[in-house]
Amino acid sequence: MRNIILLDLEKHKNQSQYKLVEKGIYQDLTDEDETNYRVAFSFELEDNEDSQYPLEDILDKYCLYVSDFPDSEDNSGNILKIEFGGEYRDIKKVTEIVGKHVYNKEYEEGGETYVKLIIE
């Protein structure tokens, strides 16, 4: 994943449903759970990536879930838009990937092959 940017979604402008917490981070006022914070990203997939990885590893690392696929009809090719949901501290932390290169790298240890999430 590269060219990761924060998105301003049209739905977040609805102040009866979303409260701006800080740049790019919103609280979903219709969700009473503690995982009611949202952040949206656009990113470009690398030639050898699919839409599942490293996305799944990002969700695991930051304890997040996919809350929406905004403009899903535009999510074709190698540019994807996605909204994450989670607790505030996790949503805040995931914003560190903006402008970074995120990918999976295989490595071997003890004769086993593992995959590590790299953020640089």
PDB file of N, CA and C in Angstrom:
ATOM      1  N   MET A   1       0.852  -1.172   0.000  1.00  0.00           N
ATOM      2  CA  MET A   1       0.000   0.000   0.000  1.00  0.00           C
ATOM      3  C   MET A   1       0.897   1.233   0.000  1.00  0.00           C
ATOM      4  N   ARG A   2       0.524   2.175  -0.794  1.00  0.00           N
ATOM      5  CA  ARG A   2       1.273   3.424  -0.846  1.00  0.00           C
ATOM      6  C   ARG A   2       0.306   4.558  -1.138  1.00  0.00           C
ATOM      7  N   ASN A   3       0.821   5.779  -1.111  1.00  0.00           N
ATOM      8  CA  ASN A   3      -0.005   6.966  -1.340  1.00  0.00           C
ATOM      9  C   ASN A   3      -1.231   6.961  -0.420  1.00  0.00           C
ATOM     10  N   ILE A   4      -0.986   6.696   0.854  1.00  0.00           N
ATOM     11  CA  ILE A   4      -2.064   6.623   1.843  1.00  0.00           C
ATOM     12  C   ILE A   4      -2.409   8.038   2.305  1.00  0.00           C
ATOM     13  N   ILE A   5      -3.670   8.412   2.124  1.00  0.00           N
ATOM     14  CA  ILE A   5      -4.115   9.745   2.542  1.00  0.00           C
ATOM     15  C   ILE A   5      -5.416   9.632   3.339  1.00  0.00           C
ATOM     16  N   LEU A   6      -5.651  10.615   4.206  1.00  0.00           N
ATOM     17  CA  LEU A   6      -6.925  10.713   4.919  1.00  0.00           C
ATOM     18  C   LEU A   6      -7.981  11.217   3.952  1.00  0.00           C
ATOM     19  N   LEU A   7      -9.183  10.706   4.088  1.00  0.00           N
ATOM     20  CA  LEU A   7     -10.305  11.161   3.263  1.00  0.00           C
ATOM     21  C   LEU A   7     -11.290  11.953   4.102  1.00  0.00           C
ATOM     22  N   ASP A   8     -11.881  12.950   3.493  1.00  0.00           N
ATOM     23  CA  ASP A   8     -13.015  13.661   4.076  1.00  0.00           C
ATOM     24  C   ASP A   8     -14.258  13.136   3.363  1.00  0.00           C
ATOM     25  N   LEU A   9     -15.038  12.337   4.070  1.00  0.00           N
ATOM     26  CA  LEU A   9     -16.238  11.761   3.467  1.00  0.00           C
ATOM     27  C   LEU A   9     -17.419  12.702   3.623  1.00  0.00           C
ATOM     28  N   GLU A  10     -18.264  12.712   2.632  1.00  0.00           N
ATOM     29  CA  GLU A  10     -19.465  13.547   2.647  1.00  0.00           C
ATOM     30  C   GLU A  10     -20.333  13.230   3.865  1.00  0.00           C
ATOM     31  N   LYS A  11     -20.468  11.955   4.210  1.00  0.00           N
ATOM     32  CA  LYS A  11     -21.328  11.574   5.332  1.00  0.00           C
ATOM     33  C   LYS A  11     -20.846  12.146   6.657  1.00  0.00           C
ATOM     34  N   HIS A  12     -19.557  12.398   6.788  1.00  0.00           N
ATOM     35  CA  HIS A  12     -19.020  12.946   8.038  1.00  0.00           C
ATOM     36  C   HIS A  12     -19.420  14.411   8.262  1.00  0.00           C
ATOM     37  N   LYS A  13     -19.929  15.051   7.228  1.00  0.00           N
ATOM     38  CA  LYS A  13     -20.377  16.447   7.353  1.00  0.00           C
ATOM     39  C   LYS A  13     -21.727  16.547   8.051  1.00  0.00           C
ATOM     40  N   ASN A  14     -22.424  15.430   8.193  1.00  0.00           N
ATOM     41  CA  ASN A  14     -23.721  15.403   8.867  1.00  0.00           C
ATOM     42  C   ASN A  14     -23.488  15.465  10.381  1.00  0.00           C
ATOM     43  N   GLN A  15     -23.633  16.650  10.951  1.00  0.00           N
ATOM     44  CA  GLN A  15     -23.311  16.862  12.360  1.00  0.00           C
ATOM     45  C   GLN A  15     -24.296  16.208  13.322  1.00  0.00           C
ATOM     46  N   SER A  16     -25.423  15.749  12.837  1.00  0.00           N
ATOM     47  CA  SER A  16     -26.338  15.022  13.716  1.00  0.00           C
ATOM     48  C   SER A  16     -25.913  13.555  13.865  1.00  0.00           C
ATOM     49  N   GLN A  17     -25.043  13.095  12.967  1.00  0.00           N
ATOM     50  CA  GLN A  17     -24.564  11.706  13.031  1.00  0.00           C
ATOM     51  C   GLN A  17     -23.080  11.586  13.357  1.00  0.00           C
ATOM     52  N   TYR A  18     -22.286  12.611  13.036  1.00  0.00           N
ATOM     53  CA  TYR A  18     -20.844  12.537  13.245  1.00  0.00           C
ATOM     54  C   TYR A  18     -20.320  13.801  13.918  1.00  0.00           C
ATOM     55  N   LYS A  19     -19.394  13.597  14.826  1.00  0.00           N
ATOM     56  CA  LYS A  19     -18.746  14.711  15.516  1.00  0.00           C
ATOM     57  C   LYS A  19     -17.263  14.674  15.164  1.00  0.00           C
ATOM     58  N   LEU A  20     -16.743  15.786  14.658  1.00  0.00           N
ATOM     59  CA  LEU A  20     -15.320  15.887  14.371  1.00  0.00           C
ATOM     60  C   LEU A  20     -14.553  15.921  15.688  1.00  0.00           C
ATOM     61  N   VAL A  21     -13.628  14.983  15.857  1.00  0.00           N
ATOM     62  CA  VAL A  21     -12.816  14.910  17.069  1.00  0.00           C
ATOM     63  C   VAL A  21     -11.494  15.625  16.835  1.00  0.00           C
ATOM     64  N   GLU A  22     -10.873  15.323  15.719  1.00  0.00           N
ATOM     65  CA  GLU A  22      -9.678  16.009  15.243  1.00  0.00           C
ATOM     66  C   GLU A  22      -9.533  15.682  13.779  1.00  0.00           C
ATOM     67  N   LYS A  23      -8.581  16.286  13.108  1.00  0.00           N
ATOM     68  CA  LYS A  23      -8.448  16.126  11.659  1.00  0.00           C
ATOM     69  C   LYS A  23      -8.569  14.664  11.230  1.00  0.00           C
ATOM     70  N   GLY A  24      -9.608  14.376  10.447  1.00  0.00           N
ATOM     71  CA  GLY A  24      -9.807  13.052   9.884  1.00  0.00           C
ATOM     72  C   GLY A  24     -10.472  12.040  10.797  1.00  0.00           C
ATOM     73  N   ILE A  25     -10.615  12.349  12.077  1.00  0.00           N
ATOM     74  CA  ILE A  25     -11.189  11.407  13.038  1.00  0.00           C
ATOM     75  C   ILE A  25     -12.563  11.903  13.479  1.00  0.00           C
ATOM     76  N   TYR A  26     -13.548  11.011  13.373  1.00  0.00           N
ATOM     77  CA  TYR A  26     -14.925  11.351  13.710  1.00  0.00           C
ATOM     78  C   TYR A  26     -15.488  10.362  14.704  1.00  0.00           C
ATOM     79  N   GLN A  27     -16.438  10.834  15.497  1.00  0.00           N
ATOM     80  CA  GLN A  27     -17.176   9.960  16.391  1.00  0.00           C
ATOM     81  C   GLN A  27     -18.558   9.756  15.785  1.00  0.00           C
ATOM     82  N   ASP A  28     -18.959   8.507  15.642  1.00  0.00           N
ATOM     83  CA  ASP A  28     -20.268   8.165  15.107  1.00  0.00           C
ATOM     84  C   ASP A  28     -21.278   8.277  16.249  1.00  0.00           C
ATOM     85  N   LEU A  29     -22.106   9.299  16.216  1.00  0.00           N
ATOM     86  CA  LEU A  29     -23.053   9.576  17.290  1.00  0.00           C
ATOM     87  C   LEU A  29     -24.227   8.602  17.324  1.00  0.00           C
ATOM     88  N   THR A  30     -24.390   7.817  16.258  1.00  0.00           N
ATOM     89  CA  THR A  30     -25.477   6.835  16.226  1.00  0.00           C
ATOM     90  C   THR A  30     -25.040   5.487  16.793  1.00  0.00           C
ATOM     91  N   ASP A  31     -23.769   5.358  17.119  1.00  0.00           N
ATOM     92  CA  ASP A  31     -23.201   4.119  17.654  1.00  0.00           C
ATOM     93  C   ASP A  31     -22.818   4.362  19.108  1.00  0.00           C
ATOM     94  N   GLU A  32     -23.453   3.654  20.035  1.00  0.00           N
ATOM     95  CA  GLU A  32     -23.206   3.874  21.456  1.00  0.00           C
ATOM     96  C   GLU A  32     -22.051   3.037  22.010  1.00  0.00           C
ATOM     97  N   ASP A  33     -21.444   2.220  21.165  1.00  0.00           N
ATOM     98  CA  ASP A  33     -20.327   1.382  21.586  1.00  0.00           C
ATOM     99  C   ASP A  33     -19.055   2.231  21.707  1.00  0.00           C
ATOM    100  N   GLU A  34     -18.077   1.748  22.468  1.00  0.00           N
ATOM    101  CA  GLU A  34     -16.825   2.492  22.613  1.00  0.00           C
ATOM    102  C   GLU A  34     -15.977   2.428  21.343  1.00  0.00           C
ATOM    103  N   THR A  35     -16.365   1.597  20.388  1.00  0.00           N
ATOM    104  CA  THR A  35     -15.653   1.516  19.109  1.00  0.00           C
ATOM    105  C   THR A  35     -16.342   2.368  18.047  1.00  0.00           C
ATOM    106  N   ASN A  36     -16.857   3.516  18.453  1.00  0.00           N
ATOM    107  CA  ASN A  36     -17.646   4.358  17.551  1.00  0.00           C
ATOM    108  C   ASN A  36     -16.841   5.490  16.904  1.00  0.00           C
ATOM    109  N   TYR A  37     -15.539   5.334  16.821  1.00  0.00           N
ATOM    110  CA  TYR A  37     -14.701   6.333  16.156  1.00  0.00           C
ATOM    111  C   TYR A  37     -14.376   5.850  14.756  1.00  0.00           C
ATOM    112  N   ARG A  38     -14.244   6.802  13.824  1.00  0.00           N
ATOM    113  CA  ARG A  38     -14.058   6.474  12.419  1.00  0.00           C
ATOM    114  C   ARG A  38     -12.943   7.319  11.807  1.00  0.00           C
ATOM    115  N   VAL A  39     -12.247   6.709  10.861  1.00  0.00           N
ATOM    116  CA  VAL A  39     -11.264   7.408  10.042  1.00  0.00           C
ATOM    117  C   VAL A  39     -11.293   6.751   8.664  1.00  0.00           C
ATOM    118  N   ALA A  40     -11.190   7.556   7.614  1.00  0.00           N
ATOM    119  CA  ALA A  40     -11.254   7.031   6.250  1.00  0.00           C
ATOM    120  C   ALA A  40      -9.945   7.309   5.521  1.00  0.00           C
ATOM    121  N   PHE A  41      -9.542   6.341   4.717  1.00  0.00           N
ATOM    122  CA  PHE A  41      -8.302   6.428   3.953  1.00  0.00           C
ATOM    123  C   PHE A  41      -8.537   6.095   2.489  1.00  0.00           C
ATOM    124  N   SER A  42      -7.679   6.629   1.669  1.00  0.00           N
ATOM    125  CA  SER A  42      -7.533   6.192   0.288  1.00  0.00           C
ATOM    126  C   SER A  42      -6.101   5.696   0.176  1.00  0.00           C
ATOM    127  N   PHE A  43      -5.926   4.583  -0.542  1.00  0.00           N
ATOM    128  CA  PHE A  43      -4.573   4.079  -0.734  1.00  0.00           C
ATOM    129  C   PHE A  43      -4.478   3.339  -2.057  1.00  0.00           C
ATOM    130  N   GLU A  44      -3.257   3.226  -2.503  1.00  0.00           N
ATOM    131  CA  GLU A  44      -2.970   2.554  -3.758  1.00  0.00           C
ATOM    132  C   GLU A  44      -2.323   1.204  -3.456  1.00  0.00           C
ATOM    133  N   LEU A  45      -2.862   0.157  -4.071  1.00  0.00           N
ATOM    134  CA  LEU A  45      -2.276  -1.171  -3.922  1.00  0.00           C
ATOM    135  C   LEU A  45      -1.058  -1.297  -4.836  1.00  0.00           C
ATOM    136  N   GLU A  46      -0.067  -2.008  -4.357  1.00  0.00           N
ATOM    137  CA  GLU A  46       1.112  -2.297  -5.164  1.00  0.00           C
ATOM    138  C   GLU A  46       0.747  -3.363  -6.194  1.00  0.00           C
ATOM    139  N   ASP A  47       1.573  -3.548  -7.184  1.00  0.00           N
ATOM    140  CA  ASP A  47       1.295  -4.517  -8.249  1.00  0.00           C
ATOM    141  C   ASP A  47       1.099  -5.927  -7.723  1.00  0.00           C
ATOM    142  N   ASN A  48       1.822  -6.313  -6.686  1.00  0.00           N
ATOM    143  CA  ASN A  48       1.747  -7.684  -6.184  1.00  0.00           C
ATOM    144  C   ASN A  48       0.789  -7.848  -5.006  1.00  0.00           C
ATOM    145  N   GLU A  49      -0.007  -6.826  -4.694  1.00  0.00           N
ATOM    146  CA  GLU A  49      -0.931  -6.885  -3.554  1.00  0.00           C
ATOM    147  C   GLU A  49      -2.361  -7.109  -4.030  1.00  0.00           C
ATOM    148  N   ASP A  50      -3.152  -7.744  -3.159  1.00  0.00           N
ATOM    149  CA  ASP A  50      -4.586  -7.786  -3.399  1.00  0.00           C
ATOM    150  C   ASP A  50      -5.247  -6.915  -2.339  1.00  0.00           C
ATOM    151  N   SER A  51      -6.551  -6.817  -2.371  1.00  0.00           N
ATOM    152  CA  SER A  51      -7.232  -5.913  -1.437  1.00  0.00           C
ATOM    153  C   SER A  51      -7.327  -6.478  -0.025  1.00  0.00           C
ATOM    154  N   GLN A  52      -6.888  -7.720   0.190  1.00  0.00           N
ATOM    155  CA  GLN A  52      -6.995  -8.323   1.520  1.00  0.00           C
ATOM    156  C   GLN A  52      -5.761  -8.081   2.376  1.00  0.00           C
ATOM    157  N   TYR A  53      -4.580  -8.221   1.776  1.00  0.00           N
ATOM    158  CA  TYR A  53      -3.348  -8.047   2.543  1.00  0.00           C
ATOM    159  C   TYR A  53      -2.520  -6.958   1.903  1.00  0.00           C
ATOM    160  N   PRO A  54      -1.990  -6.041   2.668  1.00  0.00           N
ATOM    161  CA  PRO A  54      -1.802  -6.031   4.117  1.00  0.00           C
ATOM    162  C   PRO A  54      -2.956  -5.438   4.923  1.00  0.00           C
ATOM    163  N   LEU A  55      -4.101  -5.191   4.285  1.00  0.00           N
ATOM    164  CA  LEU A  55      -5.241  -4.609   5.007  1.00  0.00           C
ATOM    165  C   LEU A  55      -5.607  -5.411   6.253  1.00  0.00           C
ATOM    166  N   GLU A  56      -5.717  -6.714   6.143  1.00  0.00           N
ATOM    167  CA  GLU A  56      -6.060  -7.553   7.304  1.00  0.00           C
ATOM    168  C   GLU A  56      -5.048  -7.383   8.433  1.00  0.00           C
ATOM    169  N   ASP A  57      -3.774  -7.268   8.066  1.00  0.00           N
ATOM    170  CA  ASP A  57      -2.736  -7.107   9.086  1.00  0.00           C
ATOM    171  C   ASP A  57      -2.811  -5.745   9.762  1.00  0.00           C
ATOM    172  N   ILE A  58      -3.217  -4.724   9.028  1.00  0.00           N
ATOM    173  CA  ILE A  58      -3.418  -3.393   9.632  1.00  0.00           C
ATOM    174  C   ILE A  58      -4.564  -3.458  10.635  1.00  0.00           C
ATOM    175  N   LEU A  59      -5.665  -4.102  10.233  1.00  0.00           N
ATOM    176  CA  LEU A  59      -6.801  -4.242  11.146  1.00  0.00           C
ATOM    177  C   LEU A  59      -6.388  -4.957  12.423  1.00  0.00           C
ATOM    178  N   ASP A  60      -5.615  -6.019  12.288  1.00  0.00           N
ATOM    179  CA  ASP A  60      -5.144  -6.768  13.461  1.00  0.00           C
ATOM    180  C   ASP A  60      -4.199  -5.935  14.323  1.00  0.00           C
ATOM    181  N   LYS A  61      -3.230  -5.293  13.701  1.00  0.00           N
ATOM    182  CA  LYS A  61      -2.221  -4.520  14.445  1.00  0.00           C
ATOM    183  C   LYS A  61      -2.858  -3.404  15.267  1.00  0.00           C
ATOM    184  N   TYR A  62      -3.855  -2.736  14.698  1.00  0.00           N
ATOM    185  CA  TYR A  62      -4.450  -1.581  15.353  1.00  0.00           C
ATOM    186  C   TYR A  62      -5.793  -1.883  16.014  1.00  0.00           C
ATOM    187  N   CYS A  63      -6.205  -3.143  16.038  1.00  0.00           N
ATOM    188  CA  CYS A  63      -7.474  -3.559  16.671  1.00  0.00           C
ATOM    189  C   CYS A  63      -8.668  -2.796  16.100  1.00  0.00           C
ATOM    190  N   LEU A  64      -8.763  -2.757  14.781  1.00  0.00           N
ATOM    191  CA  LEU A  64      -9.814  -2.020  14.089  1.00  0.00           C
ATOM    192  C   LEU A  64     -10.686  -2.963  13.273  1.00  0.00           C
ATOM    193  N   TYR A  65     -11.761  -2.423  12.730  1.00  0.00           N
ATOM    194  CA  TYR A  65     -12.614  -3.158  11.804  1.00  0.00           C
ATOM    195  C   TYR A  65     -12.985  -2.234  10.659  1.00  0.00           C
ATOM    196  N   VAL A  66     -13.426  -2.807   9.563  1.00  0.00           N
ATOM    197  CA  VAL A  66     -13.877  -2.013   8.418  1.00  0.00           C
ATOM    198  C   VAL A  66     -15.314  -1.613   8.690  1.00  0.00           C
ATOM    199  N   SER A  67     -15.570  -0.312   8.771  1.00  0.00           N
ATOM    200  CA  SER A  67     -16.923   0.163   9.043  1.00  0.00           C
ATOM    201  C   SER A  67     -17.664   0.571   7.775  1.00  0.00           C
ATOM    202  N   ASP A  68     -16.922   0.825   6.698  1.00  0.00           N
ATOM    203  CA  ASP A  68     -17.579   1.219   5.450  1.00  0.00           C
ATOM    204  C   ASP A  68     -16.574   1.154   4.305  1.00  0.00           C
ATOM    205  N   PHE A  69     -17.108   0.911   3.115  1.00  0.00           N
ATOM    206  CA  PHE A  69     -16.349   1.029   1.877  1.00  0.00           C
ATOM    207  C   PHE A  69     -16.972   2.185   1.098  1.00  0.00           C
ATOM    208  N   PRO A  70     -16.588   3.430   1.421  1.00  0.00           N
ATOM    209  CA  PRO A  70     -17.206   4.573   0.739  1.00  0.00           C
ATOM    210  C   PRO A  70     -16.950   4.519  -0.762  1.00  0.00           C
ATOM    211  N   ASP A  71     -17.939   4.933  -1.501  1.00  0.00           N
ATOM    212  CA  ASP A  71     -17.827   4.945  -2.962  1.00  0.00           C
ATOM    213  C   ASP A  71     -17.330   3.599  -3.465  1.00  0.00           C
ATOM    214  N   SER A  72     -17.932   2.516  -2.970  1.00  0.00           N
ATOM    215  CA  SER A  72     -17.438   1.174  -3.293  1.00  0.00           C
ATOM    216  C   SER A  72     -17.416   0.905  -4.799  1.00  0.00           C
ATOM    217  N   GLU A  73     -18.269   1.589  -5.555  1.00  0.00           N
ATOM    218  CA  GLU A  73     -18.222   1.393  -6.999  1.00  0.00           C
ATOM    219  C   GLU A  73     -16.935   1.960  -7.593  1.00  0.00           C
ATOM    220  N   ASP A  74     -16.287   2.877  -6.851  1.00  0.00           N
ATOM    221  CA  ASP A  74     -15.007   3.420  -7.303  1.00  0.00           C
ATOM    222  C   ASP A  74     -13.830   2.557  -6.852  1.00  0.00           C
ATOM    223  N   ASN A  75     -14.072   1.587  -5.984  1.00  0.00           N
ATOM    224  CA  ASN A  75     -13.007   0.730  -5.468  1.00  0.00           C
ATOM    225  C   ASN A  75     -12.666  -0.359  -6.485  1.00  0.00           C
ATOM    226  N   SER A  76     -12.168   0.083  -7.602  1.00  0.00           N
ATOM    227  CA  SER A  76     -11.762  -0.853  -8.637  1.00  0.00           C
ATOM    228  C   SER A  76     -10.316  -0.550  -8.998  1.00  0.00           C
ATOM    229  N   GLY A  77      -9.682  -1.517  -9.560  1.00  0.00           N
ATOM    230  CA  GLY A  77      -8.291  -1.309  -9.906  1.00  0.00           C
ATOM    231  C   GLY A  77      -7.417  -1.315  -8.672  1.00  0.00           C
ATOM    232  N   ASN A  78      -6.467  -0.411  -8.627  1.00  0.00           N
ATOM    233  CA  ASN A  78      -5.515  -0.446  -7.518  1.00  0.00           C
ATOM    234  C   ASN A  78      -5.701   0.685  -6.507  1.00  0.00           C
ATOM    235  N   ILE A  79      -6.739   1.503  -6.629  1.00  0.00           N
ATOM    236  CA  ILE A  79      -7.025   2.561  -5.655  1.00  0.00           C
ATOM    237  C   ILE A  79      -8.251   2.138  -4.836  1.00  0.00           C
ATOM    238  N   LEU A  80      -8.092   2.096  -3.515  1.00  0.00           N
ATOM    239  CA  LEU A  80      -9.197   1.717  -2.640  1.00  0.00           C
ATOM    240  C   LEU A  80      -9.485   2.819  -1.637  1.00  0.00           C
ATOM    241  N   LYS A  81     -10.755   2.929  -1.272  1.00  0.00           N
ATOM    242  CA  LYS A  81     -11.193   3.834  -0.207  1.00  0.00           C
ATOM    243  C   LYS A  81     -11.842   2.982   0.859  1.00  0.00           C
ATOM    244  N   ILE A  82     -11.493   3.256   2.104  1.00  0.00           N
ATOM    245  CA  ILE A  82     -11.987   2.419   3.194  1.00  0.00           C
ATOM    246  C   ILE A  82     -12.111   3.254   4.462  1.00  0.00           C
ATOM    247  N   GLU A  83     -13.134   2.940   5.261  1.00  0.00           N
ATOM    248  CA  GLU A  83     -13.319   3.600   6.548  1.00  0.00           C
ATOM    249  C   GLU A  83     -13.107   2.561   7.640  1.00  0.00           C
ATOM    250  N   PHE A  84     -12.250   2.896   8.595  1.00  0.00           N
ATOM    251  CA  PHE A  84     -12.014   2.033   9.738  1.00  0.00           C
ATOM    252  C   PHE A  84     -12.831   2.505  10.918  1.00  0.00           C
ATOM    253  N   GLY A  85     -13.225   1.568  11.775  1.00  0.00           N
ATOM    254  CA  GLY A  85     -13.902   1.875  13.022  1.00  0.00           C
ATOM    255  C   GLY A  85     -13.140   1.255  14.168  1.00  0.00           C
ATOM    256  N   GLY A  86     -13.238   1.888  15.328  1.00  0.00           N
ATOM    257  CA  GLY A  86     -12.577   1.339  16.508  1.00  0.00           C
ATOM    258  C   GLY A  86     -12.606   2.313  17.662  1.00  0.00           C
ATOM    259  N   GLU A  87     -11.881   1.978  18.704  1.00  0.00           N
ATOM    260  CA  GLU A  87     -11.750   2.870  19.852  1.00  0.00           C
ATOM    261  C   GLU A  87     -10.871   4.047  19.466  1.00  0.00           C
ATOM    262  N   TYR A  88     -11.075   5.166  20.148  1.00  0.00           N
ATOM    263  CA  TYR A  88     -10.355   6.391  19.791  1.00  0.00           C
ATOM    264  C   TYR A  88      -8.848   6.185  19.743  1.00  0.00           C
ATOM    265  N   ARG A  89      -8.273   5.560  20.776  1.00  0.00           N
ATOM    266  CA  ARG A  89      -6.806   5.431  20.827  1.00  0.00           C
ATOM    267  C   ARG A  89      -6.283   4.619  19.643  1.00  0.00           C
ATOM    268  N   ASP A  90      -7.047   3.632  19.181  1.00  0.00           N
ATOM    269  CA  ASP A  90      -6.624   2.812  18.053  1.00  0.00           C
ATOM    270  C   ASP A  90      -6.772   3.566  16.730  1.00  0.00           C
ATOM    271  N   ILE A  91      -7.862   4.313  16.614  1.00  0.00           N
ATOM    272  CA  ILE A  91      -8.080   5.132  15.417  1.00  0.00           C
ATOM    273  C   ILE A  91      -6.987   6.196  15.319  1.00  0.00           C
ATOM    274  N   LYS A  92      -6.675   6.823  16.433  1.00  0.00           N
ATOM    275  CA  LYS A  92      -5.608   7.841  16.461  1.00  0.00           C
ATOM    276  C   LYS A  92      -4.280   7.231  16.031  1.00  0.00           C
ATOM    277  N   LYS A  93      -3.986   6.050  16.544  1.00  0.00           N
ATOM    278  CA  LYS A  93      -2.711   5.385  16.256  1.00  0.00           C
ATOM    279  C   LYS A  93      -2.587   5.015  14.776  1.00  0.00           C
ATOM    280  N   VAL A  94      -3.676   4.544  14.148  1.00  0.00           N
ATOM    281  CA  VAL A  94      -3.591   4.113  12.747  1.00  0.00           C
ATOM    282  C   VAL A  94      -3.306   5.277  11.800  1.00  0.00           C
ATOM    283  N   THR A  95      -3.563   6.497  12.223  1.00  0.00           N
ATOM    284  CA  THR A  95      -3.274   7.635  11.344  1.00  0.00           C
ATOM    285  C   THR A  95      -1.777   7.782  11.087  1.00  0.00           C
ATOM    286  N   GLU A  96      -0.945   7.049  11.841  1.00  0.00           N
ATOM    287  CA  GLU A  96       0.498   7.094  11.600  1.00  0.00           C
ATOM    288  C   GLU A  96       0.877   6.499  10.241  1.00  0.00           C
ATOM    289  N   ILE A  97      -0.029   5.771   9.585  1.00  0.00           N
ATOM    290  CA  ILE A  97       0.300   5.184   8.288  1.00  0.00           C
ATOM    291  C   ILE A  97       0.142   6.183   7.138  1.00  0.00           C
ATOM    292  N   VAL A  98      -0.436   7.346   7.387  1.00  0.00           N
ATOM    293  CA  VAL A  98      -0.625   8.350   6.336  1.00  0.00           C
ATOM    294  C   VAL A  98       0.751   8.732   5.770  1.00  0.00           C
ATOM    295  N   GLY A  99       0.858   8.661   4.452  1.00  0.00           N
ATOM    296  CA  GLY A  99       2.093   9.024   3.778  1.00  0.00           C
ATOM    297  C   GLY A  99       3.179   7.961   3.824  1.00  0.00           C
ATOM    298  N   LYS A 100       2.888   6.823   4.438  1.00  0.00           N
ATOM    299  CA  LYS A 100       3.894   5.766   4.574  1.00  0.00           C
ATOM    300  C   LYS A 100       3.692   4.682   3.516  1.00  0.00           C
ATOM    301  N   HIS A 101       4.653   3.823   3.435  1.00  0.00           N
ATOM    302  CA  HIS A 101       4.589   2.635   2.587  1.00  0.00           C
ATOM    303  C   HIS A 101       4.332   1.459   3.515  1.00  0.00           C
ATOM    304  N   VAL A 102       3.256   0.733   3.303  1.00  0.00           N
ATOM    305  CA  VAL A 102       2.857  -0.374   4.174  1.00  0.00           C
ATOM    306  C   VAL A 102       2.785  -1.642   3.319  1.00  0.00           C
ATOM    307  N   TYR A 103       3.477  -2.671   3.778  1.00  0.00           N
ATOM    308  CA  TYR A 103       3.491  -3.911   3.018  1.00  0.00           C
ATOM    309  C   TYR A 103       3.838  -5.093   3.917  1.00  0.00           C
ATOM    310  N   ASN A 104       3.618  -6.288   3.401  1.00  0.00           N
ATOM    311  CA  ASN A 104       3.982  -7.520   4.108  1.00  0.00           C
ATOM    312  C   ASN A 104       5.296  -8.040   3.547  1.00  0.00           C
ATOM    313  N   LYS A 105       6.125  -8.551   4.452  1.00  0.00           N
ATOM    314  CA  LYS A 105       7.401  -9.119   4.045  1.00  0.00           C
ATOM    315  C   LYS A 105       7.534 -10.503   4.670  1.00  0.00           C
ATOM    316  N   GLU A 106       7.865 -11.471   3.835  1.00  0.00           N
ATOM    317  CA  GLU A 106       8.071 -12.830   4.337  1.00  0.00           C
ATOM    318  C   GLU A 106       9.478 -12.949   4.902  1.00  0.00           C
ATOM    319  N   TYR A 107       9.601 -13.754   5.964  1.00  0.00           N
ATOM    320  CA  TYR A 107      10.904 -14.066   6.526  1.00  0.00           C
ATOM    321  C   TYR A 107      10.851 -15.478   7.098  1.00  0.00           C
ATOM    322  N   GLU A 108      12.010 -16.062   7.236  1.00  0.00           N
ATOM    323  CA  GLU A 108      12.085 -17.425   7.765  1.00  0.00           C
ATOM    324  C   GLU A 108      12.724 -17.412   9.139  1.00  0.00           C
ATOM    325  N   GLU A 109      12.198 -18.269   9.978  1.00  0.00           N
ATOM    326  CA  GLU A 109      12.730 -18.420  11.331  1.00  0.00           C
ATOM    327  C   GLU A 109      12.503 -19.859  11.760  1.00  0.00           C
ATOM    328  N   GLY A 110      13.576 -20.529  12.107  1.00  0.00           N
ATOM    329  CA  GLY A 110      13.459 -21.925  12.550  1.00  0.00           C
ATOM    330  C   GLY A 110      12.854 -22.843  11.508  1.00  0.00           C
ATOM    331  N   GLY A 111      13.131 -22.563  10.243  1.00  0.00           N
ATOM    332  CA  GLY A 111      12.602 -23.393   9.168  1.00  0.00           C
ATOM    333  C   GLY A 111      11.166 -23.096   8.786  1.00  0.00           C
ATOM    334  N   GLU A 112      10.537 -22.154   9.471  1.00  0.00           N
ATOM    335  CA  GLU A 112       9.155 -21.756   9.171  1.00  0.00           C
ATOM    336  C   GLU A 112       9.149 -20.402   8.460  1.00  0.00           C
ATOM    337  N   THR A 113       8.176 -20.196   7.576  1.00  0.00           N
ATOM    338  CA  THR A 113       8.010 -18.923   6.891  1.00  0.00           C
ATOM    339  C   THR A 113       6.901 -18.129   7.572  1.00  0.00           C
ATOM    340  N   TYR A 114       7.216 -16.875   7.892  1.00  0.00           N
ATOM    341  CA  TYR A 114       6.269 -15.975   8.541  1.00  0.00           C
ATOM    342  C   TYR A 114       6.121 -14.714   7.698  1.00  0.00           C
ATOM    343  N   VAL A 115       5.088 -13.953   7.997  1.00  0.00           N
ATOM    344  CA  VAL A 115       4.857 -12.684   7.317  1.00  0.00           C
ATOM    345  C   VAL A 115       4.825 -11.588   8.369  1.00  0.00           C
ATOM    346  N   LYS A 116       5.538 -10.508   8.081  1.00  0.00           N
ATOM    347  CA  LYS A 116       5.602  -9.372   9.011  1.00  0.00           C
ATOM    348  C   LYS A 116       5.077  -8.130   8.316  1.00  0.00           C
ATOM    349  N   LEU A 117       4.287  -7.347   9.030  1.00  0.00           N
ATOM    350  CA  LEU A 117       3.785  -6.081   8.512  1.00  0.00           C
ATOM    351  C   LEU A 117       4.881  -5.028   8.655  1.00  0.00           C
ATOM    352  N   ILE A 118       5.227  -4.371   7.562  1.00  0.00           N
ATOM    353  CA  ILE A 118       6.262  -3.341   7.549  1.00  0.00           C
ATOM    354  C   ILE A 118       5.605  -1.994   7.259  1.00  0.00           C
ATOM    355  N   ILE A 119       5.939  -1.000   8.082  1.00  0.00           N
ATOM    356  CA  ILE A 119       5.449   0.371   7.877  1.00  0.00           C
ATOM    357  C   ILE A 119       6.678   1.268   7.824  1.00  0.00           C
ATOM    358  N   GLU A 120       6.908   1.867   6.652  1.00  0.00           N
ATOM    359  CA  GLU A 120       8.074   2.745   6.511  1.00  0.00           C
ATOM    360  C   GLU A 120       7.760   3.974   5.685  1.00  0.00           C
TER     361      GLU A 120
END
